[in-house]
Amino acid sequence: MSLTEIVSFLELSVFPSVALVFFLTAFLAILWRVLRQPRSETDLAASIPLDDDVVFTPRVSIKEKSTDMTDKGASHG
């Protein structure tokens, strides 16, 4: 049995419907998350591009990151 025969027996019209269901599920989940977000958190995120005085610190400091790299045997040279 060749690949052409196998594909010809498949009902390919199901795949767009399944993709639509996945897309709508993801869209509704994201919409739900955004609408349930507190107003203060939304205002803080909206003002990030305008706040030049606010310094956001990274989750991992540069010193910790370089220590982790040297522990794993990475060379810098």
Protein backbone atom coordinates (compact mmCIF):
# COMPACT_ATOMS: atom_id res chain seq x y z
CA MET A 1 0.00 0.00 0.00
CA SER A 2 1.54 3.31 -1.05
CA LEU A 3 1.44 6.62 0.78
CA THR A 4 -0.88 8.05 -1.87
CA GLU A 5 -3.47 5.36 -1.16
CA ILE A 6 -3.23 5.92 2.60
CA VAL A 7 -3.69 9.68 2.28
CA SER A 8 -6.59 9.26 -0.15
CA PHE A 9 -8.52 7.30 2.51
CA LEU A 10 -8.05 9.95 5.19
CA GLU A 11 -10.79 12.43 5.91
CA LEU A 12 -8.72 15.63 5.74
CA SER A 13 -11.63 17.98 6.31
CA VAL A 14 -11.43 17.22 10.06
CA PHE A 15 -8.05 18.91 10.52
CA PRO A 16 -9.18 22.52 9.93
CA SER A 17 -12.00 22.01 12.44
CA VAL A 18 -9.60 20.62 15.04
CA ALA A 19 -7.21 23.53 14.44
CA LEU A 20 -10.08 26.00 14.88
CA VAL A 21 -11.06 24.39 18.19
CA PHE A 22 -7.43 24.58 19.43
CA PHE A 23 -7.16 28.22 18.37
CA LEU A 24 -10.43 29.21 20.03
CA THR A 25 -9.47 27.39 23.23
CA ALA A 26 -6.12 29.18 23.39
CA PHE A 27 -7.71 32.53 22.52
CA LEU A 28 -10.37 32.19 25.21
CA ALA A 29 -7.79 31.11 27.80
CA ILE A 30 -5.63 34.16 27.04
CA LEU A 31 -8.66 36.45 27.04
CA TRP A 32 -9.79 35.04 30.39
CA ARG A 33 -6.30 35.57 31.86
CA VAL A 34 -6.12 39.17 30.62
CA LEU A 35 -9.60 40.09 31.83
CA ARG A 36 -9.02 38.55 35.26
CA GLN A 37 -5.77 40.49 35.75
CA PRO A 38 -5.94 43.18 38.47
CA ARG A 39 -6.19 46.76 37.25
CA SER A 40 -3.03 47.79 39.14
CA GLU A 41 -0.99 45.12 37.35
CA THR A 42 -2.35 46.25 33.98
CA ASP A 43 -1.51 49.90 34.73
CA LEU A 44 2.01 48.95 35.80
CA ALA A 45 2.62 46.98 32.61
CA ALA A 46 1.17 49.77 30.48
CA SER A 47 3.50 52.38 32.00
CA ILE A 48 6.75 50.41 31.51
CA PRO A 49 7.71 52.10 28.20
CA LEU A 50 7.11 55.56 29.69
CA ASP A 51 9.01 55.09 32.98
CA ASP A 52 12.64 56.00 32.34
CA ASP A 53 13.44 56.28 36.06
CA VAL A 54 12.37 52.76 37.02
CA VAL A 55 15.13 50.17 36.91
CA PHE A 56 14.01 46.58 36.55
CA THR A 57 16.50 44.17 38.07
CA PRO A 58 17.04 40.79 36.42
CA ARG A 59 15.86 37.66 38.17
CA VAL A 60 19.40 36.27 38.19
CA SER A 61 22.24 38.63 38.87
CA ILE A 62 25.23 38.74 36.54
CA LYS A 63 27.55 37.51 39.30
CA GLU A 64 25.37 34.45 39.99
CA LYS A 65 25.17 33.72 36.29
CA SER A 66 28.94 33.91 35.81
CA THR A 67 29.46 31.67 38.85
CA ASP A 68 27.09 29.11 37.36
CA MET A 69 28.96 29.25 34.04
CA THR A 70 32.36 28.65 35.67
CA ASP A 71 30.98 25.78 37.73
CA LYS A 72 29.88 24.04 34.54
CA GLY A 73 33.34 24.29 33.04
CA ALA A 74 32.65 27.04 30.51
CA SER A 75 35.67 29.10 29.48
CA HIS A 76 35.62 32.77 28.58
CA GLY A 77 38.69 32.94 26.50
